[in-house]
Amino acid sequence: MKFNIKSLEEKFTKINDISQNIKQSINNYDNKKKIETIVYTVLLILNYDFNIKKKEYLNLISQFSPAYLSGSEWYIGEDYTYEHFWDNVDDDSKFKFYTFLFIMNYLYQKIQ
């Protein structure tokens, strides 16, 4: 029986390459999931802050009469929306939030 060492070595090399590709694919998937989890957590925190501000606003307007509220400049109605919330966020925080999302998107797109 004759062994072809070179052929056997090539097969082992090919198996090693395939194994490395699978390992890289698993690592990429894990990294994508980590990025998704981080972004999701930040968005949950933002939503939590929105709900706190909404509750504060609704508690505030419940202390005044409808006649007073209709004449006040700060009254925006019964609905406190994300748009109202986002308008009250300072520009520095908005910039940081957008930068964070840009970096996370860039990293997510770089992972193959």
PDB file of N, CA and C in Angstrom:
ATOM      1  N   MET A   1       0.830  -1.162   0.000  1.00  0.00           N
ATOM      2  CA  MET A   1       0.000   0.000   0.000  1.00  0.00           C
ATOM      3  C   MET A   1       0.884   1.237   0.000  1.00  0.00           C
ATOM      4  N   LYS A   2       0.554   2.160  -0.879  1.00  0.00           N
ATOM      5  CA  LYS A   2       1.366   3.354  -1.060  1.00  0.00           C
ATOM      6  C   LYS A   2       0.590   4.577  -0.564  1.00  0.00           C
ATOM      7  N   PHE A   3       1.216   5.390   0.259  1.00  0.00           N
ATOM      8  CA  PHE A   3       0.609   6.616   0.768  1.00  0.00           C
ATOM      9  C   PHE A   3       1.128   7.802  -0.020  1.00  0.00           C
ATOM     10  N   ASN A   4       0.209   8.666  -0.355  1.00  0.00           N
ATOM     11  CA  ASN A   4       0.595   9.901  -1.010  1.00  0.00           C
ATOM     12  C   ASN A   4       0.591  10.990   0.064  1.00  0.00           C
ATOM     13  N   ILE A   5       1.753  11.240   0.598  1.00  0.00           N
ATOM     14  CA  ILE A   5       1.894  12.192   1.705  1.00  0.00           C
ATOM     15  C   ILE A   5       1.481  13.597   1.276  1.00  0.00           C
ATOM     16  N   LYS A   6       1.843  13.968   0.103  1.00  0.00           N
ATOM     17  CA  LYS A   6       1.523  15.322  -0.363  1.00  0.00           C
ATOM     18  C   LYS A   6       0.007  15.513  -0.458  1.00  0.00           C
ATOM     19  N   SER A   7      -0.693  14.538  -1.003  1.00  0.00           N
ATOM     20  CA  SER A   7      -2.148  14.623  -1.116  1.00  0.00           C
ATOM     21  C   SER A   7      -2.792  14.671   0.268  1.00  0.00           C
ATOM     22  N   LEU A   8      -2.307  13.862   1.166  1.00  0.00           N
ATOM     23  CA  LEU A   8      -2.822  13.850   2.532  1.00  0.00           C
ATOM     24  C   LEU A   8      -2.583  15.190   3.219  1.00  0.00           C
ATOM     25  N   GLU A   9      -1.432  15.760   3.005  1.00  0.00           N
ATOM     26  CA  GLU A   9      -1.102  17.063   3.589  1.00  0.00           C
ATOM     27  C   GLU A   9      -2.002  18.155   3.022  1.00  0.00           C
ATOM     28  N   GLU A  10      -2.287  18.108   1.724  1.00  0.00           N
ATOM     29  CA  GLU A  10      -3.174  19.091   1.106  1.00  0.00           C
ATOM     30  C   GLU A  10      -4.588  18.984   1.672  1.00  0.00           C
ATOM     31  N   LYS A  11      -5.051  17.766   1.897  1.00  0.00           N
ATOM     32  CA  LYS A  11      -6.385  17.565   2.472  1.00  0.00           C
ATOM     33  C   LYS A  11      -6.453  18.113   3.891  1.00  0.00           C
ATOM     34  N   PHE A  12      -5.405  17.877   4.664  1.00  0.00           N
ATOM     35  CA  PHE A  12      -5.381  18.425   6.021  1.00  0.00           C
ATOM     36  C   PHE A  12      -5.337  19.954   5.993  1.00  0.00           C
ATOM     37  N   THR A  13      -4.619  20.506   5.075  1.00  0.00           N
ATOM     38  CA  THR A  13      -4.555  21.961   4.940  1.00  0.00           C
ATOM     39  C   THR A  13      -5.922  22.524   4.557  1.00  0.00           C
ATOM     40  N   LYS A  14      -6.581  21.823   3.630  1.00  0.00           N
ATOM     41  CA  LYS A  14      -7.914  22.256   3.220  1.00  0.00           C
ATOM     42  C   LYS A  14      -8.905  22.164   4.388  1.00  0.00           C
ATOM     43  N   ILE A  15      -8.827  21.105   5.156  1.00  0.00           N
ATOM     44  CA  ILE A  15      -9.688  20.956   6.342  1.00  0.00           C
ATOM     45  C   ILE A  15      -9.403  22.065   7.340  1.00  0.00           C
ATOM     46  N   ASN A  16      -8.144  22.395   7.525  1.00  0.00           N
ATOM     47  CA  ASN A  16      -7.761  23.472   8.429  1.00  0.00           C
ATOM     48  C   ASN A  16      -8.314  24.812   7.938  1.00  0.00           C
ATOM     49  N   ASP A  17      -8.231  25.069   6.629  1.00  0.00           N
ATOM     50  CA  ASP A  17      -8.763  26.317   6.068  1.00  0.00           C
ATOM     51  C   ASP A  17     -10.279  26.404   6.250  1.00  0.00           C
ATOM     52  N   ILE A  18     -10.954  25.312   5.989  1.00  0.00           N
ATOM     53  CA  ILE A  18     -12.411  25.286   6.178  1.00  0.00           C
ATOM     54  C   ILE A  18     -12.757  25.512   7.649  1.00  0.00           C
ATOM     55  N   SER A  19     -12.004  24.896   8.527  1.00  0.00           N
ATOM     56  CA  SER A  19     -12.218  25.076   9.957  1.00  0.00           C
ATOM     57  C   SER A  19     -12.019  26.537  10.358  1.00  0.00           C
ATOM     58  N   GLN A  20     -11.002  27.172   9.821  1.00  0.00           N
ATOM     59  CA  GLN A  20     -10.751  28.591  10.109  1.00  0.00           C
ATOM     60  C   GLN A  20     -11.893  29.462   9.587  1.00  0.00           C
ATOM     61  N   ASN A  21     -12.404  29.141   8.405  1.00  0.00           N
ATOM     62  CA  ASN A  21     -13.532  29.896   7.843  1.00  0.00           C
ATOM     63  C   ASN A  21     -14.769  29.760   8.720  1.00  0.00           C
ATOM     64  N   ILE A  22     -15.035  28.551   9.183  1.00  0.00           N
ATOM     65  CA  ILE A  22     -16.186  28.325  10.061  1.00  0.00           C
ATOM     66  C   ILE A  22     -16.016  29.083  11.371  1.00  0.00           C
ATOM     67  N   LYS A  23     -14.808  29.016  11.916  1.00  0.00           N
ATOM     68  CA  LYS A  23     -14.533  29.728  13.169  1.00  0.00           C
ATOM     69  C   LYS A  23     -14.704  31.234  12.985  1.00  0.00           C
ATOM     70  N   GLN A  24     -14.214  31.765  11.872  1.00  0.00           N
ATOM     71  CA  GLN A  24     -14.346  33.195  11.583  1.00  0.00           C
ATOM     72  C   GLN A  24     -15.816  33.574  11.410  1.00  0.00           C
ATOM     73  N   SER A  25     -16.567  32.726  10.748  1.00  0.00           N
ATOM     74  CA  SER A  25     -17.990  32.975  10.544  1.00  0.00           C
ATOM     75  C   SER A  25     -18.733  33.015  11.878  1.00  0.00           C
ATOM     76  N   ILE A  26     -18.406  32.092  12.763  1.00  0.00           N
ATOM     77  CA  ILE A  26     -19.034  32.070  14.084  1.00  0.00           C
ATOM     78  C   ILE A  26     -18.655  33.318  14.875  1.00  0.00           C
ATOM     79  N   ASN A  27     -17.395  33.710  14.814  1.00  0.00           N
ATOM     80  CA  ASN A  27     -16.956  34.926  15.507  1.00  0.00           C
ATOM     81  C   ASN A  27     -17.655  36.156  14.952  1.00  0.00           C
ATOM     82  N   ASN A  28     -17.809  36.224  13.629  1.00  0.00           N
ATOM     83  CA  ASN A  28     -18.502  37.354  13.020  1.00  0.00           C
ATOM     84  C   ASN A  28     -19.960  37.409  13.462  1.00  0.00           C
ATOM     85  N   TYR A  29     -20.599  36.267  13.507  1.00  0.00           N
ATOM     86  CA  TYR A  29     -21.984  36.219  13.957  1.00  0.00           C
ATOM     87  C   TYR A  29     -22.081  36.684  15.413  1.00  0.00           C
ATOM     88  N   ASP A  30     -21.181  36.207  16.251  1.00  0.00           N
ATOM     89  CA  ASP A  30     -21.178  36.624  17.662  1.00  0.00           C
ATOM     90  C   ASP A  30     -20.949  38.130  17.789  1.00  0.00           C
ATOM     91  N   ASN A  31     -20.030  38.654  16.998  1.00  0.00           N
ATOM     92  CA  ASN A  31     -19.751  40.091  17.061  1.00  0.00           C
ATOM     93  C   ASN A  31     -20.947  40.908  16.589  1.00  0.00           C
ATOM     94  N   LYS A  32     -21.624  40.448  15.547  1.00  0.00           N
ATOM     95  CA  LYS A  32     -22.822  41.155  15.087  1.00  0.00           C
ATOM     96  C   LYS A  32     -23.894  41.146  16.167  1.00  0.00           C
ATOM     97  N   LYS A  33     -24.058  40.019  16.824  1.00  0.00           N
ATOM     98  CA  LYS A  33     -25.062  39.925  17.891  1.00  0.00           C
ATOM     99  C   LYS A  33     -24.698  40.838  19.065  1.00  0.00           C
ATOM    100  N   LYS A  34     -23.426  40.950  19.361  1.00  0.00           N
ATOM    101  CA  LYS A  34     -22.992  41.847  20.436  1.00  0.00           C
ATOM    102  C   LYS A  34     -23.316  43.297  20.088  1.00  0.00           C
ATOM    103  N   ILE A  35     -23.044  43.685  18.850  1.00  0.00           N
ATOM    104  CA  ILE A  35     -23.339  45.054  18.418  1.00  0.00           C
ATOM    105  C   ILE A  35     -24.846  45.300  18.470  1.00  0.00           C
ATOM    106  N   GLU A  36     -25.629  44.336  18.000  1.00  0.00           N
ATOM    107  CA  GLU A  36     -27.091  44.481  18.048  1.00  0.00           C
ATOM    108  C   GLU A  36     -27.575  44.635  19.484  1.00  0.00           C
ATOM    109  N   THR A  37     -26.995  43.868  20.391  1.00  0.00           N
ATOM    110  CA  THR A  37     -27.385  43.936  21.800  1.00  0.00           C
ATOM    111  C   THR A  37     -27.042  45.296  22.398  1.00  0.00           C
ATOM    112  N   ILE A  38     -25.887  45.815  22.067  1.00  0.00           N
ATOM    113  CA  ILE A  38     -25.467  47.127  22.582  1.00  0.00           C
ATOM    114  C   ILE A  38     -26.412  48.217  22.082  1.00  0.00           C
ATOM    115  N   VAL A  39     -26.702  48.216  20.793  1.00  0.00           N
ATOM    116  CA  VAL A  39     -27.589  49.239  20.225  1.00  0.00           C
ATOM    117  C   VAL A  39     -28.992  49.102  20.814  1.00  0.00           C
ATOM    118  N   TYR A  40     -29.463  47.878  20.944  1.00  0.00           N
ATOM    119  CA  TYR A  40     -30.790  47.638  21.516  1.00  0.00           C
ATOM    120  C   TYR A  40     -30.860  48.159  22.954  1.00  0.00           C
ATOM    121  N   THR A  41     -29.806  47.932  23.714  1.00  0.00           N
ATOM    122  CA  THR A  41     -29.771  48.397  25.104  1.00  0.00           C
ATOM    123  C   THR A  41     -29.803  49.926  25.175  1.00  0.00           C
ATOM    124  N   VAL A  42     -29.045  50.570  24.317  1.00  0.00           N
ATOM    125  CA  VAL A  42     -29.040  52.038  24.301  1.00  0.00           C
ATOM    126  C   VAL A  42     -30.421  52.573  23.920  1.00  0.00           C
ATOM    127  N   LEU A  43     -31.057  51.932  22.956  1.00  0.00           N
ATOM    128  CA  LEU A  43     -32.396  52.366  22.560  1.00  0.00           C
ATOM    129  C   LEU A  43     -33.416  52.116  23.667  1.00  0.00           C
ATOM    130  N   LEU A  44     -33.251  51.048  24.416  1.00  0.00           N
ATOM    131  CA  LEU A  44     -34.125  50.803  25.568  1.00  0.00           C
ATOM    132  C   LEU A  44     -33.957  51.881  26.629  1.00  0.00           C
ATOM    133  N   ILE A  45     -32.736  52.288  26.865  1.00  0.00           N
ATOM    134  CA  ILE A  45     -32.463  53.355  27.837  1.00  0.00           C
ATOM    135  C   ILE A  45     -33.095  54.664  27.364  1.00  0.00           C
ATOM    136  N   LEU A  46     -32.971  54.941  26.063  1.00  0.00           N
ATOM    137  CA  LEU A  46     -33.588  56.147  25.508  1.00  0.00           C
ATOM    138  C   LEU A  46     -35.108  56.096  25.656  1.00  0.00           C
ATOM    139  N   ASN A  47     -35.689  54.948  25.403  1.00  0.00           N
ATOM    140  CA  ASN A  47     -37.130  54.778  25.558  1.00  0.00           C
ATOM    141  C   ASN A  47     -37.549  54.923  27.022  1.00  0.00           C
ATOM    142  N   TYR A  48     -36.750  54.407  27.927  1.00  0.00           N
ATOM    143  CA  TYR A  48     -37.023  54.545  29.358  1.00  0.00           C
ATOM    144  C   TYR A  48     -37.016  56.019  29.762  1.00  0.00           C
ATOM    145  N   ASP A  49     -36.032  56.752  29.278  1.00  0.00           N
ATOM    146  CA  ASP A  49     -35.954  58.186  29.574  1.00  0.00           C
ATOM    147  C   ASP A  49     -37.168  58.918  28.994  1.00  0.00           C
ATOM    148  N   PHE A  50     -37.569  58.538  27.784  1.00  0.00           N
ATOM    149  CA  PHE A  50     -38.759  59.136  27.174  1.00  0.00           C
ATOM    150  C   PHE A  50     -39.989  58.892  28.052  1.00  0.00           C
ATOM    151  N   ASN A  51     -40.149  57.674  28.529  1.00  0.00           N
ATOM    152  CA  ASN A  51     -41.319  57.357  29.357  1.00  0.00           C
ATOM    153  C   ASN A  51     -41.312  58.130  30.674  1.00  0.00           C
ATOM    154  N   ILE A  52     -40.137  58.351  31.242  1.00  0.00           N
ATOM    155  CA  ILE A  52     -40.036  59.166  32.461  1.00  0.00           C
ATOM    156  C   ILE A  52     -40.468  60.598  32.166  1.00  0.00           C
ATOM    157  N   LYS A  53     -39.955  61.168  31.082  1.00  0.00           N
ATOM    158  CA  LYS A  53     -40.310  62.550  30.721  1.00  0.00           C
ATOM    159  C   LYS A  53     -41.796  62.661  30.409  1.00  0.00           C
ATOM    160  N   LYS A  54     -42.351  61.651  29.749  1.00  0.00           N
ATOM    161  CA  LYS A  54     -43.770  61.676  29.423  1.00  0.00           C
ATOM    162  C   LYS A  54     -44.613  61.647  30.689  1.00  0.00           C
ATOM    163  N   LYS A  55     -44.227  60.796  31.631  1.00  0.00           N
ATOM    164  CA  LYS A  55     -44.966  60.711  32.890  1.00  0.00           C
ATOM    165  C   LYS A  55     -44.867  62.031  33.657  1.00  0.00           C
ATOM    166  N   GLU A  56     -43.687  62.649  33.679  1.00  0.00           N
ATOM    167  CA  GLU A  56     -43.518  63.943  34.350  1.00  0.00           C
ATOM    168  C   GLU A  56     -44.404  65.009  33.704  1.00  0.00           C
ATOM    169  N   TYR A  57     -44.433  65.013  32.370  1.00  0.00           N
ATOM    170  CA  TYR A  57     -45.255  65.999  31.660  1.00  0.00           C
ATOM    171  C   TYR A  57     -46.732  65.786  31.967  1.00  0.00           C
ATOM    172  N   LEU A  58     -47.192  64.542  31.921  1.00  0.00           N
ATOM    173  CA  LEU A  58     -48.605  64.270  32.194  1.00  0.00           C
ATOM    174  C   LEU A  58     -48.971  64.611  33.632  1.00  0.00           C
ATOM    175  N   ASN A  59     -48.070  64.359  34.581  1.00  0.00           N
ATOM    176  CA  ASN A  59     -48.309  64.751  35.971  1.00  0.00           C
ATOM    177  C   ASN A  59     -48.374  66.262  36.105  1.00  0.00           C
ATOM    178  N   LEU A  60     -47.524  66.962  35.372  1.00  0.00           N
ATOM    179  CA  LEU A  60     -47.506  68.424  35.421  1.00  0.00           C
ATOM    180  C   LEU A  60     -48.805  69.009  34.883  1.00  0.00           C
ATOM    181  N   ILE A  61     -49.257  68.527  33.730  1.00  0.00           N
ATOM    182  CA  ILE A  61     -50.469  69.127  33.154  1.00  0.00           C
ATOM    183  C   ILE A  61     -51.720  68.732  33.933  1.00  0.00           C
ATOM    184  N   SER A  62     -51.652  67.642  34.687  1.00  0.00           N
ATOM    185  CA  SER A  62     -52.823  67.265  35.482  1.00  0.00           C
ATOM    186  C   SER A  62     -53.048  68.216  36.655  1.00  0.00           C
ATOM    187  N   GLN A  63     -52.072  69.043  36.982  1.00  0.00           N
ATOM    188  CA  GLN A  63     -52.176  69.966  38.105  1.00  0.00           C
ATOM    189  C   GLN A  63     -52.850  71.289  37.716  1.00  0.00           C
ATOM    190  N   PHE A  64     -53.056  71.499  36.407  1.00  0.00           N
ATOM    191  CA  PHE A  64     -53.613  72.766  35.941  1.00  0.00           C
ATOM    192  C   PHE A  64     -54.969  72.553  35.280  1.00  0.00           C
ATOM    193  N   SER A  65     -55.736  73.620  35.259  1.00  0.00           N
ATOM    194  CA  SER A  65     -57.059  73.556  34.622  1.00  0.00           C
ATOM    195  C   SER A  65     -56.898  73.618  33.096  1.00  0.00           C
ATOM    196  N   PRO A  66     -57.875  73.077  32.368  1.00  0.00           N
ATOM    197  CA  PRO A  66     -57.806  73.144  30.896  1.00  0.00           C
ATOM    198  C   PRO A  66     -57.774  74.582  30.371  1.00  0.00           C
ATOM    199  N   ALA A  67     -58.433  75.495  31.058  1.00  0.00           N
ATOM    200  CA  ALA A  67     -58.431  76.899  30.623  1.00  0.00           C
ATOM    201  C   ALA A  67     -57.025  77.494  30.742  1.00  0.00           C
ATOM    202  N   TYR A  68     -56.341  77.190  31.850  1.00  0.00           N
ATOM    203  CA  TYR A  68     -54.974  77.696  32.028  1.00  0.00           C
ATOM    204  C   TYR A  68     -54.037  77.081  30.994  1.00  0.00           C
ATOM    205  N   LEU A  69     -54.179  75.793  30.780  1.00  0.00           N
ATOM    206  CA  LEU A  69     -53.298  75.096  29.831  1.00  0.00           C
ATOM    207  C   LEU A  69     -53.471  75.607  28.410  1.00  0.00           C
ATOM    208  N   SER A  70     -54.704  75.902  28.026  1.00  0.00           N
ATOM    209  CA  SER A  70     -54.926  76.382  26.653  1.00  0.00           C
ATOM    210  C   SER A  70     -54.281  77.738  26.423  1.00  0.00           C
ATOM    211  N   GLY A  71     -54.081  78.511  27.487  1.00  0.00           N
ATOM    212  CA  GLY A  71     -53.457  79.821  27.343  1.00  0.00           C
ATOM    213  C   GLY A  71     -51.949  79.816  27.558  1.00  0.00           C
ATOM    214  N   SER A  72     -51.406  78.726  28.009  1.00  0.00           N
ATOM    215  CA  SER A  72     -49.969  78.701  28.288  1.00  0.00           C
ATOM    216  C   SER A  72     -49.168  78.375  27.033  1.00  0.00           C
ATOM    217  N   GLU A  73     -47.946  78.879  26.998  1.00  0.00           N
ATOM    218  CA  GLU A  73     -47.084  78.679  25.838  1.00  0.00           C
ATOM    219  C   GLU A  73     -46.400  77.309  25.838  1.00  0.00           C
ATOM    220  N   TRP A  74     -46.194  76.739  26.982  1.00  0.00           N
ATOM    221  CA  TRP A  74     -45.459  75.472  27.070  1.00  0.00           C
ATOM    222  C   TRP A  74     -46.329  74.243  26.877  1.00  0.00           C
ATOM    223  N   TYR A  75     -47.639  74.411  26.897  1.00  0.00           N
ATOM    224  CA  TYR A  75     -48.552  73.275  26.760  1.00  0.00           C
ATOM    225  C   TYR A  75     -48.559  72.790  25.309  1.00  0.00           C
ATOM    226  N   ILE A  76     -48.327  71.496  25.127  1.00  0.00           N
ATOM    227  CA  ILE A  76     -48.248  70.931  23.775  1.00  0.00           C
ATOM    228  C   ILE A  76     -49.375  69.951  23.497  1.00  0.00           C
ATOM    229  N   GLY A  77     -50.314  69.845  24.392  1.00  0.00           N
ATOM    230  CA  GLY A  77     -51.430  68.932  24.214  1.00  0.00           C
ATOM    231  C   GLY A  77     -51.319  67.741  25.153  1.00  0.00           C
ATOM    232  N   GLU A  78     -52.292  66.840  25.020  1.00  0.00           N
ATOM    233  CA  GLU A  78     -52.322  65.657  25.880  1.00  0.00           C
ATOM    234  C   GLU A  78     -51.241  64.641  25.514  1.00  0.00           C
ATOM    235  N   ASP A  79     -50.834  64.621  24.259  1.00  0.00           N
ATOM    236  CA  ASP A  79     -49.859  63.630  23.798  1.00  0.00           C
ATOM    237  C   ASP A  79     -48.444  64.186  23.868  1.00  0.00           C
ATOM    238  N   TYR A  80     -47.588  63.451  24.549  1.00  0.00           N
ATOM    239  CA  TYR A  80     -46.173  63.785  24.595  1.00  0.00           C
ATOM    240  C   TYR A  80     -45.477  62.774  23.690  1.00  0.00           C
ATOM    241  N   THR A  81     -45.024  63.221  22.531  1.00  0.00           N
ATOM    242  CA  THR A  81     -44.476  62.316  21.524  1.00  0.00           C
ATOM    243  C   THR A  81     -42.951  62.281  21.572  1.00  0.00           C
ATOM    244  N   TYR A  82     -42.399  61.341  20.819  1.00  0.00           N
ATOM    245  CA  TYR A  82     -40.940  61.268  20.702  1.00  0.00           C
ATOM    246  C   TYR A  82     -40.382  62.550  20.084  1.00  0.00           C
ATOM    247  N   GLU A  83     -41.148  63.141  19.205  1.00  0.00           N
ATOM    248  CA  GLU A  83     -40.695  64.394  18.587  1.00  0.00           C
ATOM    249  C   GLU A  83     -40.519  65.479  19.644  1.00  0.00           C
ATOM    250  N   HIS A  84     -41.489  65.607  20.554  1.00  0.00           N
ATOM    251  CA  HIS A  84     -41.356  66.581  21.638  1.00  0.00           C
ATOM    252  C   HIS A  84     -40.164  66.236  22.528  1.00  0.00           C
ATOM    253  N   PHE A  85     -40.031  64.951  22.815  1.00  0.00           N
ATOM    254  CA  PHE A  85     -38.907  64.501  23.649  1.00  0.00           C
ATOM    255  C   PHE A  85     -37.576  64.841  22.982  1.00  0.00           C
ATOM    256  N   TRP A  86     -37.460  64.516  21.696  1.00  0.00           N
ATOM    257  CA  TRP A  86     -36.196  64.716  20.989  1.00  0.00           C
ATOM    258  C   TRP A  86     -35.879  66.200  20.825  1.00  0.00           C
ATOM    259  N   ASP A  87     -36.903  67.044  20.686  1.00  0.00           N
ATOM    260  CA  ASP A  87     -36.689  68.489  20.583  1.00  0.00           C
ATOM    261  C   ASP A  87     -36.104  69.054  21.866  1.00  0.00           C
ATOM    262  N   ASN A  88     -36.380  68.421  23.002  1.00  0.00           N
ATOM    263  CA  ASN A  88     -35.887  68.909  24.293  1.00  0.00           C
ATOM    264  C   ASN A  88     -34.518  68.351  24.666  1.00  0.00           C
ATOM    265  N   VAL A  89     -34.006  67.416  23.878  1.00  0.00           N
ATOM    266  CA  VAL A  89     -32.669  66.870  24.144  1.00  0.00           C
ATOM    267  C   VAL A  89     -31.643  67.880  23.636  1.00  0.00           C
ATOM    268  N   ASP A  90     -30.610  68.123  24.423  1.00  0.00           N
ATOM    269  CA  ASP A  90     -29.609  69.117  24.009  1.00  0.00           C
ATOM    270  C   ASP A  90     -28.796  68.593  22.815  1.00  0.00           C
ATOM    271  N   ASP A  91     -28.221  69.541  22.058  1.00  0.00           N
ATOM    272  CA  ASP A  91     -27.508  69.203  20.829  1.00  0.00           C
ATOM    273  C   ASP A  91     -26.297  68.313  21.070  1.00  0.00           C
ATOM    274  N   ASP A  92     -25.618  68.504  22.193  1.00  0.00           N
ATOM    275  CA  ASP A  92     -24.448  67.690  22.504  1.00  0.00           C
ATOM    276  C   ASP A  92     -24.833  66.215  22.664  1.00  0.00           C
ATOM    277  N   SER A  93     -25.914  65.965  23.337  1.00  0.00           N
ATOM    278  CA  SER A  93     -26.389  64.582  23.520  1.00  0.00           C
ATOM    279  C   SER A  93     -26.843  63.982  22.193  1.00  0.00           C
ATOM    280  N   LYS A  94     -27.498  64.788  21.371  1.00  0.00           N
ATOM    281  CA  LYS A  94     -27.904  64.301  20.050  1.00  0.00           C
ATOM    282  C   LYS A  94     -26.688  63.931  19.214  1.00  0.00           C
ATOM    283  N   PHE A  95     -25.674  64.776  19.243  1.00  0.00           N
ATOM    284  CA  PHE A  95     -24.452  64.507  18.495  1.00  0.00           C
ATOM    285  C   PHE A  95     -23.802  63.203  18.970  1.00  0.00           C
ATOM    286  N   LYS A  96     -23.724  63.026  20.274  1.00  0.00           N
ATOM    287  CA  LYS A  96     -23.142  61.795  20.819  1.00  0.00           C
ATOM    288  C   LYS A  96     -23.954  60.569  20.412  1.00  0.00           C
ATOM    289  N   PHE A  97     -25.268  60.698  20.447  1.00  0.00           N
ATOM    290  CA  PHE A  97     -26.133  59.583  20.074  1.00  0.00           C
ATOM    291  C   PHE A  97     -25.953  59.231  18.597  1.00  0.00           C
ATOM    292  N   TYR A  98     -25.958  60.229  17.733  1.00  0.00           N
ATOM    293  CA  TYR A  98     -25.771  59.978  16.302  1.00  0.00           C
ATOM    294  C   TYR A  98     -24.381  59.406  16.010  1.00  0.00           C
ATOM    295  N   THR A  99     -23.373  59.900  16.700  1.00  0.00           N
ATOM    296  CA  THR A  99     -22.017  59.373  16.519  1.00  0.00           C
ATOM    297  C   THR A  99     -21.951  57.915  16.956  1.00  0.00           C
ATOM    298  N   PHE A 100     -22.562  57.618  18.081  1.00  0.00           N
ATOM    299  CA  PHE A 100     -22.601  56.239  18.553  1.00  0.00           C
ATOM    300  C   PHE A 100     -23.268  55.329  17.528  1.00  0.00           C
ATOM    301  N   LEU A 101     -24.431  55.745  17.010  1.00  0.00           N
ATOM    302  CA  LEU A 101     -25.123  54.925  16.013  1.00  0.00           C
ATOM    303  C   LEU A 101     -24.305  54.775  14.735  1.00  0.00           C
ATOM    304  N   PHE A 102     -23.626  55.830  14.320  1.00  0.00           N
ATOM    305  CA  PHE A 102     -22.792  55.760  13.125  1.00  0.00           C
ATOM    306  C   PHE A 102     -21.656  54.759  13.320  1.00  0.00           C
ATOM    307  N   ILE A 103     -20.988  54.823  14.465  1.00  0.00           N
ATOM    308  CA  ILE A 103     -19.867  53.910  14.731  1.00  0.00           C
ATOM    309  C   ILE A 103     -20.358  52.467  14.812  1.00  0.00           C
ATOM    310  N   MET A 104     -21.473  52.245  15.488  1.00  0.00           N
ATOM    311  CA  MET A 104     -22.005  50.879  15.589  1.00  0.00           C
ATOM    312  C   MET A 104     -22.413  50.350  14.214  1.00  0.00           C
ATOM    313  N   ASN A 105     -23.008  51.204  13.393  1.00  0.00           N
ATOM    314  CA  ASN A 105     -23.382  50.803  12.045  1.00  0.00           C
ATOM    315  C   ASN A 105     -22.142  50.490  11.204  1.00  0.00           C
ATOM    316  N   TYR A 106     -21.134  51.310  11.335  1.00  0.00           N
ATOM    317  CA  TYR A 106     -19.894  51.088  10.595  1.00  0.00           C
ATOM    318  C   TYR A 106     -19.265  49.753  10.997  1.00  0.00           C
ATOM    319  N   LEU A 107     -19.182  49.481  12.279  1.00  0.00           N
ATOM    320  CA  LEU A 107     -18.614  48.220  12.737  1.00  0.00           C
ATOM    321  C   LEU A 107     -19.453  47.030  12.292  1.00  0.00           C
ATOM    322  N   TYR A 108     -20.745  47.201  12.347  1.00  0.00           N
ATOM    323  CA  TYR A 108     -21.643  46.109  11.946  1.00  0.00           C
ATOM    324  C   TYR A 108     -21.481  45.798  10.458  1.00  0.00           C
ATOM    325  N   GLN A 109     -21.357  46.849   9.643  1.00  0.00           N
ATOM    326  CA  GLN A 109     -21.206  46.645   8.211  1.00  0.00           C
ATOM    327  C   GLN A 109     -19.827  46.077   7.849  1.00  0.00           C
ATOM    328  N   LYS A 110     -18.814  46.351   8.655  1.00  0.00           N
ATOM    329  CA  LYS A 110     -17.465  45.842   8.400  1.00  0.00           C
ATOM    330  C   LYS A 110     -17.346  44.332   8.641  1.00  0.00           C
ATOM    331  N   ILE A 111     -18.177  43.820   9.539  1.00  0.00           N
ATOM    332  CA  ILE A 111     -18.120  42.394   9.841  1.00  0.00           C
ATOM    333  C   ILE A 111     -18.788  41.649   8.694  1.00  0.00           C
ATOM    334  N   GLN A 112     -18.092  40.667   8.186  1.00  0.00           N
ATOM    335  CA  GLN A 112     -18.643  39.918   7.040  1.00  0.00           C
ATOM    336  C   GLN A 112     -19.263  38.631   7.463  1.00  0.00           C
TER     337      GLN A 112
END
